[in-house]
Amino acid sequence: MTKLEAKIRYRWAFAHWRKATCESERRPHEKTMDELQSKIASRPGPEWDAFVDTMPGYRESWNAMIKQARGES
């Protein structure tokens, strides 16, 4: 799989993850995204940041999950 193919699949999985209404619907998409991440960027950094910046709502979604996990509003 090329890096471009991995990015396309990751974007698809993220879009469907956002539309999911429960954990059982989200989990398969999370697994897909986890598997594809290393094919897009070998580690966190500028390349990964540039990629996620192309996905509307990505950072907002993760920031909301972090707040929820911390018990913040």
Protein backbone atom coordinates (compact mmCIF):
# COMPACT_ATOMS: atom_id res chain seq x y z
CA MET A 1 0.00 0.00 0.00
CA THR A 2 1.33 3.41 -0.92
CA LYS A 3 1.37 6.36 1.45
CA LEU A 4 -1.32 8.02 -0.66
CA GLU A 5 -3.56 4.93 -0.40
CA ALA A 6 -3.03 4.86 3.37
CA LYS A 7 -4.01 8.53 3.63
CA ILE A 8 -7.17 7.98 1.58
CA ARG A 9 -8.19 5.01 3.72
CA TYR A 10 -7.39 6.87 6.94
CA ARG A 11 -9.53 9.84 5.85
CA TRP A 12 -12.39 7.45 5.02
CA ALA A 13 -12.10 5.71 8.41
CA PHE A 14 -11.97 9.03 10.26
CA ALA A 15 -15.04 10.35 8.45
CA HIS A 16 -16.98 7.19 9.35
CA TRP A 17 -15.65 7.26 12.91
CA ARG A 18 -17.07 10.78 13.30
CA LYS A 19 -20.47 9.65 12.01
CA ALA A 20 -20.62 6.66 14.37
CA THR A 21 -23.08 6.98 17.23
CA CYS A 22 -21.69 4.40 19.66
CA GLU A 23 -18.45 2.72 20.68
CA SER A 24 -19.22 -0.52 18.84
CA GLU A 25 -19.54 1.47 15.60
CA ARG A 26 -16.38 3.50 16.28
CA ARG A 27 -14.05 0.66 17.26
CA PRO A 28 -13.53 -0.86 13.77
CA HIS A 29 -12.64 2.58 12.40
CA GLU A 30 -10.24 3.22 15.29
CA LYS A 31 -8.53 -0.10 14.53
CA THR A 32 -8.19 0.84 10.87
CA MET A 33 -6.75 4.25 11.73
CA ASP A 34 -4.29 2.68 14.19
CA GLU A 35 -3.10 0.24 11.53
CA LEU A 36 -2.67 2.95 8.90
CA GLN A 37 -0.93 5.58 11.01
CA SER A 38 2.55 4.08 10.65
CA LYS A 39 2.13 3.85 6.88
CA ILE A 40 1.53 7.61 6.75
CA ALA A 41 4.23 8.83 9.14
CA SER A 42 6.81 6.76 10.97
CA ARG A 43 6.37 8.84 14.14
CA PRO A 44 4.56 11.93 15.41
CA GLY A 45 5.96 15.12 13.98
CA PRO A 46 5.66 17.56 11.11
CA GLU A 47 4.60 14.98 8.51
CA TRP A 48 1.79 13.62 10.70
CA ASP A 49 0.73 17.13 11.74
CA ALA A 50 0.53 18.24 8.11
CA PHE A 51 -1.62 15.22 7.27
CA VAL A 52 -4.11 15.62 10.12
CA ASP A 53 -4.43 19.31 9.30
CA THR A 54 -6.04 18.23 6.01
CA MET A 55 -8.92 16.56 7.87
CA PRO A 56 -11.58 18.98 9.11
CA GLY A 57 -12.54 18.26 12.70
CA TYR A 58 -9.62 15.94 13.48
CA ARG A 59 -7.94 18.08 16.12
CA GLU A 60 -11.26 19.20 17.57
CA SER A 61 -12.40 15.60 17.93
CA TRP A 62 -9.23 14.53 19.71
CA ASN A 63 -9.23 17.59 21.97
CA ALA A 64 -12.85 16.85 22.96
CA MET A 65 -11.97 13.23 23.78
CA ILE A 66 -9.02 14.35 25.90
CA LYS A 67 -11.24 16.77 27.84
CA GLN A 68 -13.86 14.06 28.35
CA ALA A 69 -11.23 11.61 29.61
CA ARG A 70 -10.01 14.23 32.09
CA GLY A 71 -13.57 14.89 33.26
CA GLU A 72 -13.55 18.44 31.94
CA SER A 73 -16.57 20.08 30.31
